[in-house]
Each structure stands twice: as structure tokens, then as C-alpha cells.
C-alpha atoms as a PDB file:
ATOM      1  CA  MET A   1      33.905 -61.011  31.384  1.00  0.00           C
ATOM      2  CA  GLU A   2      33.159 -57.781  33.267  1.00  0.00           C
ATOM      3  CA  PRO A   3      29.808 -56.329  32.444  1.00  0.00           C
ATOM      4  CA  PHE A   4      29.762 -53.011  30.452  1.00  0.00           C
ATOM      5  CA  PHE A   5      28.112 -49.973  31.695  1.00  0.00           C
ATOM      6  CA  TYR A   6      27.949 -46.880  29.728  1.00  0.00           C
ATOM      7  CA  LYS A   7      30.328 -44.173  31.013  1.00  0.00           C
ATOM      8  CA  SER A   8      28.802 -41.122  32.433  1.00  0.00           C
ATOM      9  CA  SER A   9      30.458 -38.981  29.701  1.00  0.00           C
ATOM     10  CA  ILE A  10      28.300 -40.493  26.908  1.00  0.00           C
ATOM     11  CA  ILE A  11      25.055 -41.042  28.580  1.00  0.00           C
ATOM     12  CA  PRO A  12      22.672 -37.970  29.599  1.00  0.00           C
ATOM     13  CA  ASP A  13      23.753 -35.815  32.616  1.00  0.00           C
ATOM     14  CA  GLY A  14      22.028 -37.100  35.742  1.00  0.00           C
ATOM     15  CA  PHE A  15      20.802 -40.453  34.183  1.00  0.00           C
ATOM     16  CA  VAL A  16      21.026 -43.199  36.694  1.00  0.00           C
ATOM     17  CA  PHE A  17      20.700 -46.933  35.882  1.00  0.00           C
ATOM     18  CA  PRO A  18      17.956 -48.596  37.966  1.00  0.00           C
ATOM     19  CA  HIS A  19      19.595 -50.427  41.048  1.00  0.00           C
ATOM     20  CA  SER A  20      17.481 -53.468  39.991  1.00  0.00           C
ATOM     21  CA  TYR A  21      19.099 -53.601  36.617  1.00  0.00           C
ATOM     22  CA  GLU A  22      22.697 -53.153  38.065  1.00  0.00           C
ATOM     23  CA  SER A  23      22.038 -55.827  40.575  1.00  0.00           C
ATOM     24  CA  VAL A  24      21.047 -58.324  38.032  1.00  0.00           C
ATOM     25  CA  VAL A  25      23.898 -57.523  35.677  1.00  0.00           C
ATOM     26  CA  MET A  26      26.554 -57.382  38.361  1.00  0.00           C
ATOM     27  CA  SER A  27      25.409 -60.651  40.004  1.00  0.00           C
ATOM     28  CA  GLY A  28      25.980 -62.464  36.694  1.00  0.00           C
ATOM     29  CA  SER A  29      22.725 -64.077  36.991  1.00  0.00           C
ATOM     30  CA  TRP A  30      20.881 -62.727  33.924  1.00  0.00           C
ATOM     31  CA  PRO A  31      17.582 -64.755  33.795  1.00  0.00           C
ATOM     32  CA  GLN A  32      17.004 -67.152  30.995  1.00  0.00           C
ATOM     33  CA  ILE A  33      14.607 -64.950  28.913  1.00  0.00           C
ATOM     34  CA  GLU A  34      15.580 -65.798  25.436  1.00  0.00           C
ATOM     35  CA  PRO A  35      15.300 -64.457  22.816  1.00  0.00           C
ATOM     36  CA  TRP A  36      16.348 -61.624  24.977  1.00  0.00           C
ATOM     37  CA  ALA A  37      19.967 -61.142  25.778  1.00  0.00           C
ATOM     38  CA  PRO A  38      21.841 -58.537  27.872  1.00  0.00           C
ATOM     39  CA  LEU A  39      23.893 -55.984  26.025  1.00  0.00           C
ATOM     40  CA  ALA A  40      26.003 -55.359  29.081  1.00  0.00           C
ATOM     41  CA  MET A  41      27.957 -58.471  28.120  1.00  0.00           C
ATOM     42  CA  ASP A  42      28.850 -57.219  24.769  1.00  0.00           C
ATOM     43  CA  MET A  43      30.487 -53.719  24.735  1.00  0.00           C
ATOM     44  CA  PRO A  44      30.799 -53.467  20.921  1.00  0.00           C
ATOM     45  CA  SER A  45      27.077 -54.032  20.407  1.00  0.00           C
ATOM     46  CA  SER A  46      26.167 -51.865  23.359  1.00  0.00           C
ATOM     47  CA  LEU A  47      28.060 -48.938  21.838  1.00  0.00           C
ATOM     48  CA  PHE A  48      26.717 -49.712  18.233  1.00  0.00           C
ATOM     49  CA  TYR A  49      23.113 -49.690  19.182  1.00  0.00           C
ATOM     50  CA  TYR A  50      23.473 -46.849  21.565  1.00  0.00           C
ATOM     51  CA  GLY A  51      25.014 -44.799  18.739  1.00  0.00           C
ATOM     52  CA  ALA A  52      22.252 -45.940  16.346  1.00  0.00           C
ATOM     53  CA  MET A  53      19.564 -44.768  18.881  1.00  0.00           C
ATOM     54  CA  LEU A  54      21.367 -41.407  19.280  1.00  0.00           C
ATOM     55  CA  LEU A  55      21.365 -40.967  15.503  1.00  0.00           C
ATOM     56  CA  LYS A  56      17.687 -41.873  15.176  1.00  0.00           C
ATOM     57  CA  PHE A  57      16.385 -39.896  18.216  1.00  0.00           C
ATOM     58  CA  ARG A  58      18.818 -37.088  18.790  1.00  0.00           C
ATOM     59  CA  LYS A  59      16.631 -35.096  21.163  1.00  0.00           C
ATOM     60  CA  ALA A  60      15.405 -37.943  23.117  1.00  0.00           C
ATOM     61  CA  PRO A  61      18.162 -40.450  24.088  1.00  0.00           C
ATOM     62  CA  LEU A  62      17.458 -44.073  24.458  1.00  0.00           C
ATOM     63  CA  ILE A  63      19.896 -46.325  26.348  1.00  0.00           C
ATOM     64  CA  PRO A  64      19.779 -49.912  25.027  1.00  0.00           C
ATOM     65  CA  PHE A  65      20.264 -52.597  27.714  1.00  0.00           C
ATOM     66  CA  SER A  66      18.778 -55.824  26.120  1.00  0.00           C
ATOM     67  CA  ILE A  67      18.402 -57.080  22.578  1.00  0.00           C
ATOM     68  CA  ILE A  68      16.516 -59.741  20.683  1.00  0.00           C
ATOM     69  CA  ARG A  69      18.587 -61.315  18.035  1.00  0.00           C
ATOM     70  CA  ASP A  70      16.835 -64.372  16.392  1.00  0.00           C
ATOM     71  CA  GLU A  71      18.606 -64.971  13.147  1.00  0.00           C
ATOM     72  CA  SER A  72      16.271 -67.900  12.571  1.00  0.00           C
ATOM     73  CA  GLY A  73      13.471 -65.520  11.800  1.00  0.00           C
ATOM     74  CA  PHE A  74      11.194 -67.232  14.207  1.00  0.00           C
ATOM     75  CA  TYR A  75      10.770 -64.195  16.307  1.00  0.00           C
ATOM     76  CA  ASN A  76      10.134 -61.012  14.519  1.00  0.00           C
ATOM     77  CA  SER A  77      11.348 -62.220  11.165  1.00  0.00           C
ATOM     78  CA  GLY A  78      14.928 -62.038  12.312  1.00  0.00           C
ATOM     79  CA  TYR A  79      14.856 -58.211  12.942  1.00  0.00           C
ATOM     80  CA  VAL A  80      16.604 -56.742  15.991  1.00  0.00           C
ATOM     81  CA  VAL A  81      14.379 -55.549  18.824  1.00  0.00           C
ATOM     82  CA  LEU A  82      15.933 -53.379  21.521  1.00  0.00           C
ATOM     83  CA  ALA A  83      14.742 -52.652  25.110  1.00  0.00           C
ATOM     84  CA  CYS A  84      15.999 -49.219  26.025  1.00  0.00           C
ATOM     85  CA  PHE A  85      15.935 -46.991  29.108  1.00  0.00           C
ATOM     86  CA  ASP A  86      14.436 -43.570  28.506  1.00  0.00           C
ATOM     87  CA  GLY A  87      17.414 -41.334  28.867  1.00  0.00           C
ATOM     88  CA  CYS A  88      15.279 -38.269  29.473  1.00  0.00           C
ATOM     89  CA  GLU A  89      13.987 -39.703  32.737  1.00  0.00           C
ATOM     90  CA  LEU A  90      16.331 -38.941  35.579  1.00  0.00           C
ATOM     91  CA  THR A  91      14.423 -40.637  38.512  1.00  0.00           C
ATOM     92  CA  GLY A  92      16.630 -43.738  38.765  1.00  0.00           C
ATOM     93  CA  GLU A  93      13.594 -45.807  37.547  1.00  0.00           C
ATOM     94  CA  PRO A  94      13.307 -44.938  33.859  1.00  0.00           C
ATOM     95  CA  THR A  95      10.701 -46.246  31.576  1.00  0.00           C
ATOM     96  CA  VAL A  96      11.770 -49.078  29.372  1.00  0.00           C
ATOM     97  CA  ARG A  97      10.974 -48.404  25.589  1.00  0.00           C
ATOM     98  CA  ILE A  98      10.892 -50.912  22.941  1.00  0.00           C
ATOM     99  CA  TYR A  99      12.376 -50.156  19.459  1.00  0.00           C
ATOM    100  CA  ASP A 100      11.676 -52.771  16.872  1.00  0.00           C
ATOM    101  CA  TYR A 101      13.908 -52.641  13.682  1.00  0.00           C
ATOM    102  CA  GLY A 102      11.139 -54.536  11.920  1.00  0.00           C
ATOM    103  CA  LYS A 103       8.721 -51.772  12.379  1.00  0.00           C
ATOM    104  CA  PRO A 104      11.049 -48.630  11.966  1.00  0.00           C
ATOM    105  CA  LYS A 105       8.123 -46.163  11.395  1.00  0.00           C
ATOM    106  CA  VAL A 106       6.832 -47.005  14.853  1.00  0.00           C
ATOM    107  CA  SER A 107       8.703 -44.811  17.384  1.00  0.00           C
ATOM    108  CA  PRO A 108       9.609 -46.208  20.847  1.00  0.00           C
ATOM    109  CA  TRP A 109       7.082 -43.521  22.120  1.00  0.00           C
ATOM    110  CA  ASN A 110       4.272 -45.120  20.117  1.00  0.00           C
ATOM    111  CA  ASN A 111       5.274 -48.719  20.847  1.00  0.00           C
ATOM    112  CA  VAL A 112       5.122 -50.985  23.788  1.00  0.00           C
ATOM    113  CA  SER A 113       6.764 -49.680  26.898  1.00  0.00           C
ATOM    114  CA  TYR A 114       7.052 -50.589  30.491  1.00  0.00           C
ATOM    115  CA  PRO A 115       7.060 -48.273  33.566  1.00  0.00           C
ATOM    116  CA  SER A 116      10.281 -49.934  35.093  1.00  0.00           C
ATOM    117  CA  PHE A 117      12.988 -52.455  34.441  1.00  0.00           C
ATOM    118  CA  LEU A 118      11.334 -54.906  36.765  1.00  0.00           C
ATOM    119  CA  VAL A 119       7.970 -54.713  34.960  1.00  0.00           C
ATOM    120  CA  TRP A 120       9.806 -55.238  31.706  1.00  0.00           C
ATOM    121  CA  LEU A 121      11.666 -58.233  33.200  1.00  0.00           C
ATOM    122  CA  GLU A 122       8.563 -59.883  34.368  1.00  0.00           C
ATOM    123  CA  ALA A 123       7.000 -59.409  30.810  1.00  0.00           C
ATOM    124  CA  ALA A 124      10.220 -60.722  29.167  1.00  0.00           C
ATOM    125  CA  LYS A 125       9.934 -63.882  31.386  1.00  0.00           C
ATOM    126  CA  MET A 126       6.387 -64.428  30.181  1.00  0.00           C
ATOM    127  CA  GLU A 127       7.265 -63.731  26.584  1.00  0.00           C
ATOM    128  CA  SER A 128      10.309 -66.072  26.884  1.00  0.00           C
ATOM    129  CA  GLU A 129       8.004 -68.873  28.148  1.00  0.00           C
ATOM    130  CA  LEU A 130       5.874 -68.435  25.084  1.00  0.00           C
ATOM    131  CA  TYR A 131       8.730 -68.199  22.738  1.00  0.00           C
ATOM    132  CA  ARG A 132      10.257 -71.464  24.090  1.00  0.00           C
ATOM    133  CA  ALA A 133       6.915 -73.403  23.962  1.00  0.00           C
ATOM    134  CA  GLN A 134       6.544 -72.205  20.335  1.00  0.00           C
ATOM    135  CA  GLN A 135      10.087 -73.153  19.483  1.00  0.00           C
ATOM    136  CA  GLY A 136       9.493 -76.500  20.938  1.00  0.00           C
ATOM    137  CA  GLY A 137       6.266 -77.030  18.910  1.00  0.00           C
ATOM    138  CA  ARG A 138       8.121 -75.830  15.852  1.00  0.00           C
ATOM    139  CA  GLU A 139      10.823 -78.448  16.326  1.00  0.00           C
ATOM    140  CA  LEU A 140       8.192 -81.153  16.731  1.00  0.00           C
ATOM    141  CA  LYS A 141       6.471 -80.158  13.545  1.00  0.00           C
ATOM    142  CA  ASN A 142       9.815 -80.265  11.517  1.00  0.00           C
ATOM    143  CA  ASP A 143      10.650 -83.797  12.762  1.00  0.00           C
END
């Protein structure tokens, strides 16, 4: 499946995706960072969550690129968490803002953020290691 990138007609004028993000997506080698998953491989979800962010934050567009979907409830009680590029930043290296549907009153500007995609990616890798270790421990306790 070909990766989906938002068309320039729906994203803010002048917004440019980070080259590092485009490279990872286009290479087809999205790292194993579960529970995070790329939205670029799921056009309907990409558009759905982009629309949801536009409705919630009309004057400050957020462009979702990764999602946590853990229906098991192990991570974040099953709520969706989005990693979004700040669409107001036109530098080519936008801040990554996290929106957590489990904490809807905490805005992405008052939540965890990362100065770039690569910094977010490193944090997501560490988070994934912890998640997998905890999942492994949980499976052992249930046996």
C-alpha cells in the first residue's frame, strides 16, 4: 500500500513535512514502536483524525501522523492518543504535540510535546520498550 500524505489543499499553506518523517514513511521501514502506529498507512483514519483535530482546534491546526490504539486498555485505558505536527510551524521541522483522548481537557499545548519528529521517534522507541516489557510481565502474571 502506498503511504498517504495529506494533500497541500487541506493542510496549512506553507506547511512542510519533516524530511526525516517522509524518509521513514517512504522507506516502508516504520520502526517497531508499538503501541504507536503510523497513520500514513491508513488514509481513512488519517483524514478522520485530521478532521477531528480541525474541529477541536480551528485556529491552530494539528496534523496527526501517528496513533496509539490499544483496545486492550493496557495502555491509556484504551483511549486514542495522537502524535501531531504543529501545523502553525512552517519551518520544515515542526514541533510534535500529543493529544490524548483520555484527557480531553488537557490541550496539546499543555501536554507533552517534542521539538521535532526525530526527538519524538526516540522517545517513542523508549516508550515502546517499556510497553513491551510491561506487556510481557502482564502475560506472565495471567498464566
